[in-house]
Amino acid sequence: MKYEEVKELTTQELTDRIAEEESNLTRLKFSHAVSALENPLRIRLLKRDIARLNTELTRRRKEATN
């Protein structure tokens, strides 16, 4: 997910998406612990997507308080 796509989401969509992606990350980590994933790079990419979502959410919250 690119940052331009993240900016287009509403605040509620951001929070929902963060929760969804974090649960996906947890499932991927458990799957990887049990047996090797076909593409372990997905874990890194998912972490980066979550970070992008959190960054945009934090930016919006700071703008709302100012």
Protein backbone atom coordinates (compact mmCIF):
# COMPACT_ATOMS: atom_id res chain seq x y z
CA MET A 1 0.00 0.00 0.00
CA LYS A 2 1.41 3.35 -1.01
CA TYR A 3 1.23 6.46 1.13
CA GLU A 4 -1.00 8.18 -1.45
CA GLU A 5 -3.55 5.42 -0.94
CA VAL A 6 -3.33 5.83 2.83
CA LYS A 7 -4.04 9.57 2.59
CA GLU A 8 -7.30 8.88 0.75
CA LEU A 9 -8.72 6.79 3.61
CA THR A 10 -10.96 8.34 6.24
CA THR A 11 -9.89 8.31 9.88
CA GLN A 12 -12.36 5.53 10.71
CA GLU A 13 -11.12 3.47 7.76
CA LEU A 14 -7.55 3.98 9.01
CA THR A 15 -8.32 2.63 12.48
CA ASP A 16 -10.24 -0.31 11.02
CA ARG A 17 -7.45 -1.07 8.57
CA ILE A 18 -4.79 -0.91 11.31
CA ALA A 19 -6.70 -3.45 13.41
CA GLU A 20 -7.20 -5.71 10.39
CA GLU A 21 -3.55 -5.56 9.33
CA GLU A 22 -2.30 -6.20 12.88
CA SER A 23 -4.44 -9.33 13.10
CA ASN A 24 -3.09 -10.43 9.71
CA LEU A 25 0.46 -9.86 10.98
CA THR A 26 -0.22 -11.96 14.07
CA ARG A 27 -1.57 -14.81 11.93
CA LEU A 28 1.43 -14.61 9.60
CA LYS A 29 3.86 -14.72 12.52
CA PHE A 30 2.15 -17.80 13.98
CA SER A 31 2.12 -19.50 10.59
CA HIS A 32 5.79 -18.72 10.13
CA ALA A 33 6.63 -20.11 13.56
CA VAL A 34 4.85 -23.39 12.81
CA SER A 35 6.10 -23.86 9.27
CA ALA A 36 8.07 -21.75 6.85
CA LEU A 37 6.10 -19.27 4.80
CA GLU A 38 6.33 -19.34 1.04
CA ASN A 39 7.24 -15.64 1.09
CA PRO A 40 8.54 -14.44 4.49
CA LEU A 41 9.06 -10.97 3.02
CA ARG A 42 5.30 -10.46 3.46
CA ILE A 43 5.86 -10.01 7.22
CA ARG A 44 8.21 -7.09 6.62
CA LEU A 45 5.90 -5.50 4.06
CA LEU A 46 2.93 -5.84 6.38
CA LYS A 47 4.85 -4.15 9.21
CA ARG A 48 5.67 -1.26 6.88
CA ASP A 49 2.03 -0.90 5.84
CA ILE A 50 0.98 -0.77 9.50
CA ALA A 51 3.62 1.88 10.14
CA ARG A 52 2.34 3.98 7.21
CA LEU A 53 -1.21 3.74 8.53
CA ASN A 54 -0.15 4.69 12.06
CA THR A 55 1.91 7.62 10.75
CA GLU A 56 -1.05 9.07 8.88
CA LEU A 57 -3.37 8.55 11.85
CA THR A 58 -0.91 10.34 14.16
CA ARG A 59 -0.55 13.20 11.69
CA ARG A 60 -4.33 13.65 11.54
CA ARG A 61 -4.66 13.57 15.33
CA LYS A 62 -1.96 16.25 15.67
CA GLU A 63 -3.69 18.43 13.08
CA ALA A 64 -6.99 18.06 14.93
CA THR A 65 -5.48 19.26 18.21
CA ASN A 66 -3.80 22.31 16.65
